Amino acid sequence: MTITTESSFGFLMHDVARLLGKRFGERAKFLGVSRAQYRAIAYLRRHEGINQAGLAELLEIQPISLARLLDRMEAAGWIERRLDPNDRRMRRLFLGERAWPILEQIEDCAAATRAEALAGVGDDQRDLIMDVLRRVHANLSCHAAETCPAVSSDQR
């Protein structure tokens, strides 16, 4: 069987993620937050207290690019940099006062985008999609961390 971009799992997964992000960005434009900023806010919400290098890794961007983004976000009140109590050379990142009120609106935009994306998909199918994505995520996460139990190629 010939694999085309239309039938490639990786291509389709990436394209769906790209379209979801683009659609979410269109919905969230009125919030005055850029796509890069809301990604940083979303990750910081889950990982408050992370250092800049860790956030750059999660966002998959270069630390210098993140530094510029964080400078702008800090000036606007979206994030705070605080000294690490154990290492005064390091700064930890936290959501700023301005980020908290907008999180509910961001979540509303995300829910509307999700509903649009899953229109016509039944609850059982949604559950199956999520189960499969969690398994794929676990498989790839474990390989990235090199902590996987031995898995034969027919199980992958």
N, C-alpha and C. Protein backbone atom coordinates (compact mmCIF):
# COMPACT_ATOMS: atom_id res chain seq x y z
N MET A 1 0.84 -1.18 0.00
CA MET A 1 0.00 0.00 0.00
C MET A 1 0.89 1.25 0.00
N THR A 2 0.59 2.18 -0.86
CA THR A 2 1.33 3.42 -0.94
C THR A 2 0.77 4.40 0.08
N ILE A 3 1.66 4.97 0.86
CA ILE A 3 1.26 5.97 1.86
C ILE A 3 1.33 7.34 1.20
N THR A 4 0.22 8.05 1.23
CA THR A 4 0.19 9.42 0.72
C THR A 4 0.03 10.35 1.90
N THR A 5 0.23 11.62 1.67
CA THR A 5 0.06 12.57 2.77
C THR A 5 -1.36 12.51 3.33
N GLU A 6 -2.33 12.21 2.47
CA GLU A 6 -3.72 12.14 2.92
C GLU A 6 -3.97 10.94 3.83
N SER A 7 -3.18 9.86 3.68
CA SER A 7 -3.40 8.68 4.51
C SER A 7 -2.30 8.51 5.57
N SER A 8 -1.39 9.44 5.67
CA SER A 8 -0.32 9.37 6.65
C SER A 8 -0.82 9.81 8.02
N PHE A 9 -0.65 8.94 9.00
CA PHE A 9 -1.09 9.24 10.36
C PHE A 9 -0.45 10.53 10.87
N GLY A 10 0.87 10.65 10.72
CA GLY A 10 1.58 11.84 11.22
C GLY A 10 1.14 13.11 10.52
N PHE A 11 0.99 13.04 9.20
CA PHE A 11 0.58 14.23 8.45
C PHE A 11 -0.82 14.66 8.88
N LEU A 12 -1.74 13.71 8.96
CA LEU A 12 -3.11 14.03 9.35
C LEU A 12 -3.16 14.59 10.77
N MET A 13 -2.42 13.97 11.69
CA MET A 13 -2.39 14.45 13.08
C MET A 13 -1.86 15.88 13.13
N HIS A 14 -0.79 16.15 12.43
CA HIS A 14 -0.21 17.49 12.42
C HIS A 14 -1.17 18.49 11.79
N ASP A 15 -1.80 18.10 10.69
CA ASP A 15 -2.70 19.02 10.00
C ASP A 15 -3.94 19.34 10.85
N VAL A 16 -4.47 18.33 11.54
CA VAL A 16 -5.61 18.57 12.43
C VAL A 16 -5.20 19.52 13.55
N ALA A 17 -4.02 19.30 14.13
CA ALA A 17 -3.55 20.18 15.20
C ALA A 17 -3.36 21.61 14.68
N ARG A 18 -2.81 21.73 13.48
CA ARG A 18 -2.60 23.05 12.88
C ARG A 18 -3.93 23.76 12.68
N LEU A 19 -4.92 23.04 12.13
CA LEU A 19 -6.24 23.63 11.88
C LEU A 19 -6.95 24.00 13.18
N LEU A 20 -6.83 23.15 14.20
CA LEU A 20 -7.41 23.47 15.50
C LEU A 20 -6.80 24.76 16.06
N GLY A 21 -5.48 24.84 16.00
CA GLY A 21 -4.79 26.04 16.50
C GLY A 21 -5.19 27.29 15.73
N LYS A 22 -5.27 27.15 14.42
CA LYS A 22 -5.65 28.30 13.59
C LYS A 22 -7.08 28.75 13.91
N ARG A 23 -7.99 27.79 14.01
CA ARG A 23 -9.39 28.14 14.31
C ARG A 23 -9.53 28.75 15.70
N PHE A 24 -8.80 28.18 16.66
CA PHE A 24 -8.83 28.74 18.00
C PHE A 24 -8.31 30.18 17.96
N GLY A 25 -7.25 30.42 17.23
CA GLY A 25 -6.68 31.76 17.11
C GLY A 25 -7.67 32.75 16.54
N GLU A 26 -8.45 32.30 15.55
CA GLU A 26 -9.47 33.17 14.97
C GLU A 26 -10.53 33.52 16.01
N ARG A 27 -10.93 32.53 16.80
CA ARG A 27 -11.96 32.75 17.82
C ARG A 27 -11.44 33.65 18.95
N ALA A 28 -10.17 33.48 19.30
CA ALA A 28 -9.61 34.18 20.46
C ALA A 28 -9.02 35.54 20.12
N LYS A 29 -9.06 35.91 18.87
CA LYS A 29 -8.44 37.18 18.44
C LYS A 29 -8.94 38.37 19.25
N PHE A 30 -10.24 38.37 19.58
CA PHE A 30 -10.83 39.50 20.30
C PHE A 30 -10.26 39.66 21.71
N LEU A 31 -9.57 38.64 22.23
CA LEU A 31 -9.02 38.70 23.57
C LEU A 31 -7.76 39.55 23.65
N GLY A 32 -7.17 39.84 22.49
CA GLY A 32 -5.95 40.63 22.48
C GLY A 32 -4.72 39.84 22.88
N VAL A 33 -4.79 38.52 22.71
CA VAL A 33 -3.68 37.64 23.06
C VAL A 33 -3.24 36.94 21.79
N SER A 34 -1.95 36.95 21.51
CA SER A 34 -1.45 36.27 20.32
C SER A 34 -1.46 34.76 20.54
N ARG A 35 -1.36 34.01 19.47
CA ARG A 35 -1.33 32.55 19.56
C ARG A 35 -0.14 32.09 20.42
N ALA A 36 1.00 32.71 20.24
CA ALA A 36 2.18 32.36 21.05
C ALA A 36 1.93 32.66 22.53
N GLN A 37 1.25 33.78 22.81
CA GLN A 37 0.97 34.15 24.19
C GLN A 37 -0.01 33.19 24.84
N TYR A 38 -1.08 32.81 24.13
CA TYR A 38 -2.02 31.91 24.78
C TYR A 38 -1.45 30.52 24.93
N ARG A 39 -0.54 30.11 24.06
CA ARG A 39 0.14 28.82 24.27
C ARG A 39 0.99 28.89 25.53
N ALA A 40 1.72 29.99 25.71
CA ALA A 40 2.55 30.15 26.91
C ALA A 40 1.66 30.19 28.16
N ILE A 41 0.56 30.91 28.10
CA ILE A 41 -0.37 30.98 29.24
C ILE A 41 -0.92 29.59 29.56
N ALA A 42 -1.31 28.85 28.54
CA ALA A 42 -1.88 27.51 28.75
C ALA A 42 -0.85 26.58 29.42
N TYR A 43 0.38 26.60 28.93
CA TYR A 43 1.40 25.75 29.53
C TYR A 43 1.75 26.22 30.94
N LEU A 44 1.81 27.52 31.14
CA LEU A 44 2.11 28.03 32.49
C LEU A 44 1.01 27.67 33.48
N ARG A 45 -0.21 27.65 33.02
CA ARG A 45 -1.30 27.28 33.93
C ARG A 45 -1.09 25.86 34.46
N ARG A 46 -0.62 24.98 33.59
CA ARG A 46 -0.38 23.58 33.99
C ARG A 46 0.95 23.40 34.71
N HIS A 47 1.88 24.31 34.49
CA HIS A 47 3.24 24.14 35.02
C HIS A 47 3.76 25.40 35.70
N GLU A 48 2.91 26.04 36.50
CA GLU A 48 3.37 27.26 37.16
C GLU A 48 4.61 26.95 38.00
N GLY A 49 5.56 27.87 37.96
CA GLY A 49 6.80 27.70 38.69
C GLY A 49 7.90 27.07 37.86
N ILE A 50 7.60 26.73 36.61
CA ILE A 50 8.60 26.17 35.71
C ILE A 50 9.64 27.24 35.38
N ASN A 51 10.84 26.81 35.03
CA ASN A 51 11.83 27.80 34.62
C ASN A 51 11.71 28.05 33.12
N GLN A 52 12.43 29.05 32.65
CA GLN A 52 12.31 29.46 31.26
C GLN A 52 12.76 28.36 30.29
N ALA A 53 13.82 27.66 30.62
CA ALA A 53 14.31 26.58 29.75
C ALA A 53 13.27 25.47 29.64
N GLY A 54 12.64 25.14 30.75
CA GLY A 54 11.60 24.11 30.74
C GLY A 54 10.40 24.51 29.90
N LEU A 55 9.99 25.77 30.00
CA LEU A 55 8.87 26.24 29.20
C LEU A 55 9.23 26.26 27.72
N ALA A 56 10.45 26.68 27.40
CA ALA A 56 10.89 26.68 26.00
C ALA A 56 10.83 25.27 25.42
N GLU A 57 11.22 24.30 26.22
CA GLU A 57 11.17 22.91 25.77
C GLU A 57 9.73 22.45 25.53
N LEU A 58 8.84 22.77 26.46
CA LEU A 58 7.43 22.40 26.29
C LEU A 58 6.81 23.05 25.05
N LEU A 59 7.16 24.30 24.82
CA LEU A 59 6.61 25.04 23.68
C LEU A 59 7.34 24.72 22.37
N GLU A 60 8.46 24.02 22.50
CA GLU A 60 9.29 23.66 21.35
C GLU A 60 9.74 24.89 20.56
N ILE A 61 10.25 25.87 21.31
CA ILE A 61 10.83 27.07 20.69
C ILE A 61 12.19 27.33 21.32
N GLN A 62 12.98 28.12 20.64
CA GLN A 62 14.31 28.46 21.14
C GLN A 62 14.19 29.35 22.37
N PRO A 63 15.06 29.14 23.37
CA PRO A 63 15.00 29.97 24.59
C PRO A 63 15.07 31.47 24.32
N ILE A 64 15.85 31.90 23.33
CA ILE A 64 15.94 33.34 23.05
C ILE A 64 14.63 33.88 22.52
N SER A 65 13.92 33.08 21.71
CA SER A 65 12.60 33.50 21.21
C SER A 65 11.61 33.59 22.36
N LEU A 66 11.68 32.64 23.27
CA LEU A 66 10.79 32.66 24.43
C LEU A 66 11.12 33.86 25.32
N ALA A 67 12.38 34.17 25.48
CA ALA A 67 12.78 35.30 26.34
C ALA A 67 12.14 36.59 25.85
N ARG A 68 12.16 36.80 24.53
CA ARG A 68 11.55 38.02 23.97
C ARG A 68 10.04 38.02 24.20
N LEU A 69 9.40 36.86 23.98
CA LEU A 69 7.96 36.74 24.20
C LEU A 69 7.63 37.01 25.67
N LEU A 70 8.40 36.43 26.58
CA LEU A 70 8.15 36.62 28.01
C LEU A 70 8.41 38.04 28.45
N ASP A 71 9.39 38.70 27.85
CA ASP A 71 9.63 40.12 28.17
C ASP A 71 8.37 40.94 27.88
N ARG A 72 7.79 40.72 26.69
CA ARG A 72 6.56 41.45 26.32
C ARG A 72 5.40 41.07 27.24
N MET A 73 5.28 39.78 27.56
CA MET A 73 4.18 39.32 28.40
C MET A 73 4.32 39.85 29.82
N GLU A 74 5.53 39.91 30.31
CA GLU A 74 5.76 40.44 31.66
C GLU A 74 5.43 41.94 31.71
N ALA A 75 5.84 42.68 30.70
CA ALA A 75 5.55 44.11 30.64
C ALA A 75 4.04 44.37 30.59
N ALA A 76 3.30 43.44 29.98
CA ALA A 76 1.85 43.59 29.86
C ALA A 76 1.09 43.01 31.05
N GLY A 77 1.81 42.38 31.99
CA GLY A 77 1.15 41.82 33.18
C GLY A 77 0.61 40.42 33.01
N TRP A 78 0.97 39.75 31.91
CA TRP A 78 0.47 38.39 31.67
C TRP A 78 1.22 37.35 32.51
N ILE A 79 2.50 37.57 32.74
CA ILE A 79 3.30 36.62 33.51
C ILE A 79 4.16 37.37 34.52
N GLU A 80 4.68 36.62 35.49
CA GLU A 80 5.63 37.14 36.47
C GLU A 80 6.84 36.23 36.49
N ARG A 81 8.01 36.84 36.60
CA ARG A 81 9.24 36.09 36.83
C ARG A 81 9.62 36.30 38.29
N ARG A 82 9.80 35.20 39.00
CA ARG A 82 10.17 35.28 40.42
C ARG A 82 11.47 34.53 40.64
N LEU A 83 12.27 35.05 41.57
CA LEU A 83 13.52 34.36 41.91
C LEU A 83 13.22 32.99 42.50
N ASP A 84 14.01 32.02 42.12
CA ASP A 84 13.91 30.67 42.68
C ASP A 84 14.47 30.74 44.10
N PRO A 85 13.72 30.29 45.10
CA PRO A 85 14.20 30.38 46.47
C PRO A 85 15.45 29.51 46.73
N ASN A 86 15.66 28.51 45.89
CA ASN A 86 16.80 27.62 46.07
C ASN A 86 18.01 27.99 45.21
N ASP A 87 17.79 28.81 44.20
CA ASP A 87 18.87 29.19 43.29
C ASP A 87 18.57 30.60 42.79
N ARG A 88 19.19 31.59 43.40
CA ARG A 88 18.86 32.98 43.10
C ARG A 88 19.28 33.41 41.69
N ARG A 89 20.02 32.57 40.98
CA ARG A 89 20.37 32.88 39.59
C ARG A 89 19.21 32.53 38.66
N MET A 90 18.31 31.66 39.11
CA MET A 90 17.23 31.17 38.28
C MET A 90 15.92 31.89 38.61
N ARG A 91 15.12 32.07 37.59
CA ARG A 91 13.79 32.66 37.78
C ARG A 91 12.73 31.63 37.43
N ARG A 92 11.67 31.64 38.19
CA ARG A 92 10.52 30.77 37.96
C ARG A 92 9.40 31.61 37.34
N LEU A 93 8.58 30.98 36.52
CA LEU A 93 7.52 31.69 35.79
C LEU A 93 6.15 31.38 36.39
N PHE A 94 5.35 32.43 36.52
CA PHE A 94 4.00 32.31 37.07
C PHE A 94 3.07 33.18 36.25
N LEU A 95 1.80 32.83 36.25
CA LEU A 95 0.82 33.67 35.58
C LEU A 95 0.67 34.98 36.34
N GLY A 96 0.57 36.06 35.61
CA GLY A 96 0.39 37.37 36.21
C GLY A 96 -1.09 37.67 36.44
N GLU A 97 -1.34 38.77 37.11
CA GLU A 97 -2.72 39.15 37.44
C GLU A 97 -3.60 39.27 36.20
N ARG A 98 -3.05 39.77 35.13
CA ARG A 98 -3.84 39.99 33.92
C ARG A 98 -4.26 38.67 33.25
N ALA A 99 -3.52 37.59 33.48
CA ALA A 99 -3.82 36.32 32.82
C ALA A 99 -5.03 35.61 33.42
N TRP A 100 -5.19 35.71 34.72
CA TRP A 100 -6.25 34.93 35.39
C TRP A 100 -7.66 35.24 34.89
N PRO A 101 -8.05 36.50 34.76
CA PRO A 101 -9.41 36.77 34.30
C PRO A 101 -9.69 36.27 32.88
N ILE A 102 -8.65 36.21 32.07
CA ILE A 102 -8.85 35.83 30.67
C ILE A 102 -8.88 34.32 30.46
N LEU A 103 -8.42 33.57 31.46
CA LEU A 103 -8.36 32.11 31.30
C LEU A 103 -9.74 31.50 31.01
N GLU A 104 -10.77 32.00 31.66
CA GLU A 104 -12.12 31.48 31.42
C GLU A 104 -12.54 31.75 29.98
N GLN A 105 -12.22 32.93 29.47
CA GLN A 105 -12.54 33.25 28.09
C GLN A 105 -11.75 32.38 27.11
N ILE A 106 -10.51 32.11 27.44
CA ILE A 106 -9.69 31.22 26.62
C ILE A 106 -10.31 29.83 26.60
N GLU A 107 -10.74 29.36 27.76
CA GLU A 107 -11.37 28.04 27.85
C GLU A 107 -12.68 28.00 27.07
N ASP A 108 -13.44 29.09 27.09
CA ASP A 108 -14.68 29.17 26.30
C ASP A 108 -14.37 29.06 24.81
N CYS A 109 -13.33 29.76 24.35
CA CYS A 109 -12.93 29.68 22.94
C CYS A 109 -12.48 28.26 22.59
N ALA A 110 -11.75 27.64 23.51
CA ALA A 110 -11.29 26.27 23.27
C ALA A 110 -12.48 25.31 23.19
N ALA A 111 -13.46 25.47 24.07
CA ALA A 111 -14.64 24.59 24.08
C ALA A 111 -15.44 24.76 22.78
N ALA A 112 -15.59 26.00 22.33
CA ALA A 112 -16.32 26.25 21.08
C ALA A 112 -15.58 25.65 19.89
N THR A 113 -14.26 25.76 19.89
CA THR A 113 -13.46 25.20 18.80
C THR A 113 -13.55 23.68 18.82
N ARG A 114 -13.47 23.09 20.01
CA ARG A 114 -13.60 21.64 20.15
C ARG A 114 -14.95 21.16 19.66
N ALA A 115 -16.01 21.88 20.04
CA ALA A 115 -17.37 21.50 19.60
C ALA A 115 -17.48 21.56 18.09
N GLU A 116 -16.90 22.59 17.49
CA GLU A 116 -16.92 22.72 16.03
C GLU A 116 -16.16 21.56 15.38
N ALA A 117 -15.01 21.24 15.93
CA ALA A 117 -14.18 20.18 15.36
C ALA A 117 -14.84 18.81 15.48
N LEU A 118 -15.58 18.60 16.55
CA LEU A 118 -16.18 17.28 16.80
C LEU A 118 -17.66 17.21 16.42
N ALA A 119 -18.14 18.20 15.69
CA ALA A 119 -19.55 18.19 15.25
C ALA A 119 -19.81 16.92 14.45
N GLY A 120 -20.88 16.24 14.78
CA GLY A 120 -21.26 15.03 14.06
C GLY A 120 -20.54 13.78 14.55
N VAL A 121 -19.69 13.92 15.55
CA VAL A 121 -18.97 12.77 16.11
C VAL A 121 -19.69 12.38 17.41
N GLY A 122 -20.13 11.13 17.47
CA GLY A 122 -20.86 10.66 18.64
C GLY A 122 -19.99 10.52 19.88
N ASP A 123 -20.64 10.43 21.03
CA ASP A 123 -19.92 10.32 22.30
C ASP A 123 -18.98 9.10 22.33
N ASP A 124 -19.45 7.96 21.82
CA ASP A 124 -18.61 6.76 21.80
C ASP A 124 -17.37 6.98 20.94
N GLN A 125 -17.56 7.65 19.80
CA GLN A 125 -16.42 7.93 18.92
C GLN A 125 -15.46 8.92 19.57
N ARG A 126 -16.00 9.91 20.28
CA ARG A 126 -15.15 10.88 20.98
C ARG A 126 -14.30 10.17 22.03
N ASP A 127 -14.95 9.28 22.78
CA ASP A 127 -14.23 8.52 23.80
C ASP A 127 -13.12 7.68 23.17
N LEU A 128 -13.43 7.06 22.04
CA LEU A 128 -12.44 6.23 21.35
C LEU A 128 -11.28 7.08 20.84
N ILE A 129 -11.60 8.23 20.24
CA ILE A 129 -10.55 9.14 19.76
C ILE A 129 -9.62 9.52 20.91
N MET A 130 -10.21 9.90 22.04
CA MET A 130 -9.40 10.31 23.20
C MET A 130 -8.56 9.15 23.72
N ASP A 131 -9.14 7.95 23.79
CA ASP A 131 -8.38 6.79 24.25
C ASP A 131 -7.20 6.52 23.33
N VAL A 132 -7.43 6.56 22.03
CA VAL A 132 -6.36 6.31 21.07
C VAL A 132 -5.28 7.39 21.18
N LEU A 133 -5.69 8.66 21.26
CA LEU A 133 -4.71 9.74 21.38
C LEU A 133 -3.90 9.63 22.66
N ARG A 134 -4.54 9.24 23.77
CA ARG A 134 -3.80 9.05 25.02
C ARG A 134 -2.76 7.93 24.88
N ARG A 135 -3.14 6.85 24.18
CA ARG A 135 -2.21 5.73 23.98
C ARG A 135 -1.04 6.18 23.11
N VAL A 136 -1.34 6.89 22.02
CA VAL A 136 -0.29 7.38 21.14
C VAL A 136 0.63 8.33 21.91
N HIS A 137 0.03 9.21 22.70
CA HIS A 137 0.80 10.15 23.51
C HIS A 137 1.72 9.39 24.48
N ALA A 138 1.17 8.41 25.17
CA ALA A 138 1.96 7.62 26.12
C ALA A 138 3.10 6.89 25.40
N ASN A 139 2.79 6.31 24.25
CA ASN A 139 3.84 5.61 23.50
C ASN A 139 4.97 6.54 23.13
N LEU A 140 4.64 7.70 22.59
CA LEU A 140 5.67 8.64 22.15
C LEU A 140 6.37 9.31 23.32
N SER A 141 5.64 9.60 24.39
CA SER A 141 6.25 10.21 25.57
C SER A 141 7.27 9.27 26.19
N CYS A 142 6.91 8.03 26.25
CA CYS A 142 7.80 7.05 26.86
C CYS A 142 9.05 6.88 26.01
N HIS A 143 8.93 6.93 24.70
CA HIS A 143 10.11 6.83 23.85
C HIS A 143 10.97 8.08 23.95
N ALA A 144 10.35 9.22 24.08
CA ALA A 144 11.10 10.47 24.21
C ALA A 144 11.91 10.47 25.50
N ALA A 145 11.34 9.90 26.55
CA ALA A 145 12.01 9.85 27.84
C ALA A 145 12.86 8.58 27.99
N GLU A 146 12.78 7.71 27.01
CA GLU A 146 13.49 6.43 27.03
C GLU A 146 13.21 5.64 28.29
N THR A 147 11.93 5.63 28.70
CA THR A 147 11.53 4.89 29.89
C THR A 147 10.51 3.82 29.57
N CYS A 148 10.43 3.42 28.32
CA CYS A 148 9.43 2.45 27.90
C CYS A 148 9.82 1.04 28.32
N PRO A 149 8.81 0.26 28.67
CA PRO A 149 9.08 -1.16 28.80
C PRO A 149 9.31 -1.70 27.38
N ALA A 150 9.95 -2.81 27.29
CA ALA A 150 10.20 -3.40 25.95
C ALA A 150 8.85 -3.69 25.30
N VAL A 151 8.70 -3.18 24.08
CA VAL A 151 7.47 -3.38 23.32
C VAL A 151 7.87 -3.94 21.97
N SER A 152 7.25 -5.04 21.60
CA SER A 152 7.58 -5.62 20.29
C SER A 152 6.99 -4.77 19.21
N SER A 153 7.55 -4.85 18.02
CA SER A 153 7.10 -4.00 16.91
C SER A 153 5.65 -4.27 16.53
N ASP A 154 5.14 -5.47 16.77
CA ASP A 154 3.74 -5.74 16.44
C ASP A 154 2.78 -5.13 17.44
N GLN A 155 3.28 -4.71 18.60
CA GLN A 155 2.42 -4.05 19.61
C GLN A 155 2.36 -2.56 19.39
N ARG A 156 3.28 -2.02 18.61
CA ARG A 156 3.31 -0.56 18.39
C ARG A 156 2.35 -0.14 17.36
